[in-house]
Amino acid sequence: MNEINKNKEAWNLLSKEHYFNFKKQLEENKTLLNDNIVKELGNIRFKSLIHLQCNIGQDTISLARMGLGKVVGVDLSDENIFYANKLKEDFNMEKMEFIESDVLEFGDKHNDLYDIVFTSEGVLGWLPDLKKWAKVVRGLLKDDGFFYVYDSHPILHIFDDRLIAEKREFVLKYDYFNAKADLGYEIGGYAAGVKHAENYWWNHSLSDIVNALIEAGLEIEYLHEFDTLFWDNGGMTHVGRSLYQYPEFRNKLPMSYSIKAKVRK
C-alpha cells in the first residue's frame, strides 16, 4: 500500500534524532510512560508483553523496567528497529527483541502468544484498517491475557490543531465519521526536528476502535477518557509525568483515552 510505504519513509527520517533524544531521557528517568499508563497497567512483573508500533523502543524499555519477563517490540520502520536495537544494547536489555514489520501483516508471520499486547501514544491513526489490526491483536493474546491501548482522543483530531495551540479556538476542520486518509507533508516536532515528508493519517472514531476489538473476539474491560495529552500541544500546563492540560478546558474536553480488553470466553 503506497500510503504505508510513504509513512515508513517519513518515520525513517526521525529515527536517529529520536534515538539520541530518548536515550538521554532514559538515562535520566526510569520510565518515559505517562502516569496514567503506569497506574492502569499495575503490576505486570514476569508477564510477557508485545509492544506494537514501538517507535525506537523507548517505551518498550520503560515497560521492561517494570519487571516484565519476555518483551518484544514491533515497528514498521527499519530505521526505528535499527535504533531500537542500539537502545537495547545501550541499556543491556538482553531479554528484549525488536522486529521490523507492518503491524497489519504481522499476524501472518508471528505465532507466539503473550500475556499483554500493548500500544500507546499516537499510534492508531497510522493504520488504515482497524478490523485487520484488531484481528492481529487477538491472534497475539493468550486466552487469559489482555490488550491495552492509550492514545489521543479521536474527537480532538477533528479540530484545526494550529488554532487550538495558538488561540485556544476549536474550529471544525476534519471528518469524524468515515474519515479518509489525511495527507500531510510534515512529520516530527516532539522529539526530533520537523521533516518534510509525505505521510498519511486516518482518524478513527471511538466507536470504530471499540467495535473492531469486539468483532475480533475481545471483551472491553474499560474505556477511560482523559482531559490531558501526552505532549504539550502549545501553552499547556504540565500536570504529571508526560501529561499536559489546558487549565481552561479541564473537565470540558476529552483529549486522550485508554482501553483495556480481554479475550471473550
Protein backbone atom coordinates (compact mmCIF):
# COMPACT_ATOMS: atom_id res chain seq x y z
CA MET A 1 0.00 0.00 0.00
CA ASN A 2 1.58 3.28 -1.11
CA GLU A 3 0.39 5.23 1.94
CA ILE A 4 2.06 2.74 4.30
CA ASN A 5 5.31 2.89 2.33
CA LYS A 6 5.27 6.70 2.48
CA ASN A 7 4.71 6.58 6.23
CA LYS A 8 7.66 4.22 6.60
CA GLU A 9 9.88 6.61 4.64
CA ALA A 10 8.69 9.54 6.74
CA TRP A 11 9.30 7.81 10.08
CA ASN A 12 12.75 6.71 8.93
CA LEU A 13 13.71 10.39 8.78
CA LEU A 14 13.08 10.81 12.52
CA SER A 15 14.76 7.69 13.90
CA LYS A 16 18.29 8.96 14.51
CA GLU A 17 17.19 12.11 16.32
CA HIS A 18 14.66 10.11 18.33
CA TYR A 19 17.45 7.77 19.37
CA PHE A 20 19.66 10.47 20.85
CA ASN A 21 16.72 12.29 22.45
CA PHE A 22 15.14 9.24 24.06
CA LYS A 23 18.46 7.68 25.07
CA LYS A 24 19.19 10.78 27.14
CA GLN A 25 15.72 10.70 28.67
CA LEU A 26 16.07 7.02 29.58
CA GLU A 27 19.41 7.72 31.21
CA GLU A 28 17.76 10.35 33.39
CA ASN A 29 14.40 8.63 34.06
CA LYS A 30 13.39 5.09 34.95
CA THR A 31 10.29 5.36 32.79
CA LEU A 32 9.02 7.55 29.98
CA LEU A 33 5.48 6.19 30.31
CA ASN A 34 2.91 8.71 31.46
CA ASP A 35 1.38 8.40 34.92
CA ASN A 36 -1.98 7.16 33.62
CA ILE A 37 -0.43 4.24 31.77
CA VAL A 38 1.70 3.17 34.72
CA LYS A 39 -1.29 3.31 37.06
CA GLU A 40 -3.61 1.39 34.74
CA LEU A 41 -1.11 -1.35 33.87
CA GLY A 42 -0.50 -2.04 37.54
CA ASN A 43 1.73 -4.97 38.49
CA ILE A 44 2.95 -6.66 35.31
CA ARG A 45 6.06 -8.31 36.75
CA PHE A 46 7.16 -11.52 35.00
CA LYS A 47 4.49 -11.14 32.30
CA SER A 48 5.26 -11.48 28.59
CA LEU A 49 4.43 -8.40 26.51
CA ILE A 50 4.47 -7.40 22.86
CA HIS A 51 4.55 -3.69 22.04
CA LEU A 52 3.01 -2.86 18.66
CA GLN A 53 4.17 0.30 16.82
CA CYS A 54 7.04 0.70 19.27
CA ASN A 55 8.96 3.53 17.51
CA ILE A 56 12.62 3.17 18.57
CA GLY A 57 11.68 1.21 21.67
CA GLN A 58 11.88 3.93 24.30
CA ASP A 59 8.55 2.93 25.85
CA THR A 60 9.35 -0.76 25.35
CA ILE A 61 12.38 -0.29 27.59
CA SER A 62 10.25 1.62 30.08
CA LEU A 63 7.84 -1.32 30.14
CA ALA A 64 10.65 -3.83 30.56
CA ARG A 65 11.87 -1.87 33.58
CA MET A 66 8.53 -2.66 35.25
CA GLY A 67 9.76 -6.21 35.75
CA LEU A 68 8.43 -7.95 32.66
CA GLY A 69 9.73 -11.30 31.50
CA LYS A 70 9.74 -11.61 27.73
CA VAL A 71 9.41 -8.30 25.84
CA VAL A 72 9.04 -7.81 22.08
CA GLY A 73 8.70 -4.57 20.12
CA VAL A 74 7.35 -4.30 16.58
CA ASP A 75 7.57 -1.35 14.21
CA LEU A 76 7.11 -0.60 10.51
CA SER A 77 10.27 1.49 10.20
CA ASP A 78 13.53 -0.37 9.58
CA GLU A 79 15.45 2.65 10.91
CA ASN A 80 13.35 2.60 14.08
CA ILE A 81 14.23 -1.06 14.61
CA PHE A 82 17.92 -0.35 13.96
CA TYR A 83 17.96 2.30 16.67
CA ALA A 84 15.74 0.24 18.96
CA ASN A 85 18.42 -2.44 18.92
CA LYS A 86 21.02 0.20 19.74
CA LEU A 87 18.94 1.24 22.77
CA LYS A 88 18.66 -2.42 23.71
CA GLU A 89 22.46 -2.66 23.73
CA ASP A 90 22.90 0.68 25.50
CA PHE A 91 20.75 -0.43 28.42
CA ASN A 92 21.69 -4.14 28.42
CA MET A 93 18.18 -5.37 27.77
CA GLU A 94 19.06 -8.96 26.95
CA LYS A 95 15.52 -10.38 27.14
CA MET A 96 14.17 -7.88 24.63
CA GLU A 97 13.62 -8.42 20.91
CA PHE A 98 12.69 -5.95 18.16
CA ILE A 99 11.03 -6.96 14.89
CA GLU A 100 10.54 -4.90 11.74
CA SER A 101 7.05 -5.41 10.34
CA ASP A 102 3.90 -3.71 9.15
CA VAL A 103 1.64 -4.39 12.14
CA LEU A 104 -1.28 -5.21 9.85
CA GLU A 105 0.76 -8.04 8.29
CA PHE A 106 2.41 -9.18 11.50
CA GLY A 107 -0.14 -11.85 12.36
CA ASP A 108 0.82 -13.79 9.22
CA LYS A 109 4.44 -14.18 10.29
CA HIS A 110 4.46 -14.42 14.11
CA ASN A 111 2.92 -17.25 16.11
CA ASP A 112 3.99 -16.51 19.70
CA LEU A 113 1.35 -15.63 22.29
CA TYR A 114 1.62 -13.02 25.04
CA ASP A 115 0.10 -12.07 28.36
CA ILE A 116 -0.14 -8.43 27.24
CA VAL A 117 -0.48 -6.75 23.87
CA PHE A 118 0.35 -3.07 24.33
CA THR A 119 0.23 0.02 22.13
CA SER A 120 0.23 3.69 23.03
CA GLU A 121 0.58 7.37 22.22
CA GLY A 122 -0.01 8.45 18.66
CA VAL A 123 -0.40 5.04 17.09
CA LEU A 124 -3.77 4.04 15.64
CA GLY A 125 -4.01 6.96 13.23
CA TRP A 126 -1.15 5.50 11.20
CA LEU A 127 -3.22 2.38 10.44
CA PRO A 128 -5.80 2.32 7.62
CA ASP A 129 -7.61 -0.89 8.64
CA LEU A 130 -8.68 -1.28 12.27
CA LYS A 131 -10.54 -4.55 11.71
CA LYS A 132 -7.38 -6.19 10.43
CA TRP A 133 -5.40 -4.62 13.27
CA ALA A 134 -7.79 -5.95 15.91
CA LYS A 135 -7.52 -9.47 14.48
CA VAL A 136 -3.74 -9.24 14.81
CA VAL A 137 -4.15 -8.14 18.43
CA ARG A 138 -6.42 -11.08 19.19
CA GLY A 139 -4.08 -13.51 17.46
CA LEU A 140 -1.18 -12.44 19.71
CA LEU A 141 -3.05 -12.79 23.01
CA LYS A 142 -3.09 -15.75 25.33
CA ASP A 143 -6.61 -16.70 26.32
CA ASP A 144 -6.09 -15.19 29.78
CA GLY A 145 -4.13 -12.17 28.54
CA PHE A 146 -5.19 -8.57 27.98
CA PHE A 147 -4.82 -5.79 25.43
CA TYR A 148 -4.13 -2.17 26.37
CA VAL A 149 -4.10 0.99 24.27
CA TYR A 150 -3.56 4.62 25.29
CA ASP A 151 -3.90 7.24 22.58
CA SER A 152 -5.08 10.72 21.70
CA HIS A 153 -8.86 11.05 21.57
CA PRO A 154 -10.38 10.95 18.06
CA ILE A 155 -12.62 13.91 18.88
CA LEU A 156 -9.52 16.06 19.30
CA HIS A 157 -8.44 15.38 15.72
CA ILE A 158 -11.49 16.89 14.06
CA PHE A 159 -10.34 20.41 15.01
CA ASP A 160 -7.70 22.65 13.48
CA ASP A 161 -4.80 21.88 15.83
CA ARG A 162 -2.95 25.08 14.89
CA LEU A 163 -5.84 27.21 16.12
CA ILE A 164 -6.06 25.22 19.34
CA ALA A 165 -2.37 25.72 20.05
CA GLU A 166 -2.21 29.38 19.07
CA LYS A 167 -5.62 30.79 20.01
CA ARG A 168 -7.43 28.10 22.05
CA GLU A 169 -10.08 28.11 19.33
CA PHE A 170 -11.85 24.90 18.39
CA VAL A 171 -12.74 25.10 14.72
CA LEU A 172 -14.01 22.02 12.92
CA LYS A 173 -11.68 21.01 10.09
CA TYR A 174 -11.77 17.22 9.64
CA ASP A 175 -14.43 14.50 9.45
CA TYR A 176 -15.12 12.34 12.47
CA PHE A 177 -17.12 9.59 10.76
CA ASN A 178 -15.77 7.67 7.77
CA ALA A 179 -12.71 9.92 7.66
CA LYS A 180 -10.44 9.44 4.67
CA ALA A 181 -6.66 9.46 4.87
CA ASP A 182 -5.37 12.93 5.69
CA LEU A 183 -2.32 13.75 3.56
CA GLY A 184 0.41 15.71 5.32
CA TYR A 185 3.82 16.94 4.27
CA GLU A 186 5.47 17.40 7.65
CA ILE A 187 6.31 14.93 10.41
CA GLY A 188 8.12 15.16 13.75
CA GLY A 189 8.47 18.06 16.12
CA TYR A 190 8.08 16.43 19.55
CA ALA A 191 11.42 14.58 19.82
CA ALA A 192 13.05 15.48 16.50
CA GLY A 193 13.08 18.42 14.14
CA VAL A 194 10.18 18.77 11.74
CA LYS A 195 10.89 16.91 8.48
CA HIS A 196 9.26 17.49 5.13
CA ALA A 197 7.85 14.16 4.03
CA GLU A 198 4.60 12.87 2.57
CA ASN A 199 2.62 10.96 5.20
CA TYR A 200 -0.92 9.71 5.82
CA TRP A 201 -3.10 9.71 8.94
CA TRP A 202 -6.51 8.08 9.45
CA ASN A 203 -8.74 9.44 12.22
CA HIS A 204 -10.80 6.52 13.54
CA SER A 205 -13.90 7.21 15.61
CA LEU A 206 -14.01 5.83 19.14
CA SER A 207 -16.85 3.51 18.15
CA ASP A 208 -14.79 2.13 15.24
CA ILE A 209 -11.93 1.32 17.62
CA VAL A 210 -14.16 -0.36 20.19
CA ASN A 211 -16.23 -2.27 17.64
CA ALA A 212 -13.13 -3.55 15.82
CA LEU A 213 -11.90 -5.09 19.09
CA ILE A 214 -15.31 -6.59 19.88
CA GLU A 215 -15.63 -8.03 16.37
CA ALA A 216 -12.20 -9.64 16.73
CA GLY A 217 -13.34 -11.55 19.83
CA LEU A 218 -12.33 -9.23 22.65
CA GLU A 219 -14.38 -8.03 25.59
CA ILE A 220 -13.94 -4.42 26.72
CA GLU A 221 -12.98 -4.27 30.39
CA TYR A 222 -12.95 -0.48 30.46
CA LEU A 223 -12.84 2.65 28.34
CA HIS A 224 -11.40 5.69 30.11
CA GLU A 225 -11.23 9.26 28.82
CA PHE A 226 -8.86 11.99 30.00
CA ASP A 227 -8.69 15.78 29.71
CA THR A 228 -4.90 15.58 29.38
CA LEU A 229 -2.49 14.99 26.50
CA PHE A 230 0.82 13.15 26.46
CA TRP A 231 2.53 16.02 24.65
CA ASP A 232 2.48 19.79 25.04
CA ASN A 233 0.24 20.99 22.24
CA GLY A 234 1.24 24.59 22.91
CA GLY A 235 0.81 26.61 26.10
CA MET A 236 -0.32 23.63 28.17
CA THR A 237 0.38 23.09 31.87
CA HIS A 238 2.49 20.14 32.99
CA VAL A 239 0.25 18.19 35.39
CA GLY A 240 2.04 14.85 35.72
CA ARG A 241 4.77 12.74 34.20
CA SER A 242 4.33 13.12 30.43
CA LEU A 243 0.87 14.65 30.92
CA TYR A 244 -0.26 18.15 29.90
CA GLN A 245 -3.50 20.06 30.25
CA TYR A 246 -5.19 23.27 29.16
CA PRO A 247 -6.44 24.55 32.56
CA GLU A 248 -9.31 26.42 30.89
CA PHE A 249 -10.58 23.17 29.35
CA ARG A 250 -10.22 20.99 32.43
CA ASN A 251 -13.16 18.55 32.65
CA LYS A 252 -14.59 20.01 29.43
CA LEU A 253 -12.91 18.17 26.54
CA PRO A 254 -11.63 14.59 26.11
CA MET A 255 -8.07 14.65 24.80
CA SER A 256 -6.87 11.09 25.41
CA TYR A 257 -8.41 7.71 26.12
CA SER A 258 -7.42 4.22 27.20
CA ILE A 259 -8.98 0.84 26.58
CA LYS A 260 -8.31 -2.45 28.29
CA ALA A 261 -9.77 -5.58 26.74
CA LYS A 262 -9.55 -9.32 27.33
CA VAL A 263 -10.34 -12.39 25.27
CA ARG A 264 -14.06 -13.10 25.22
CA LYS A 265 -14.81 -16.52 26.69
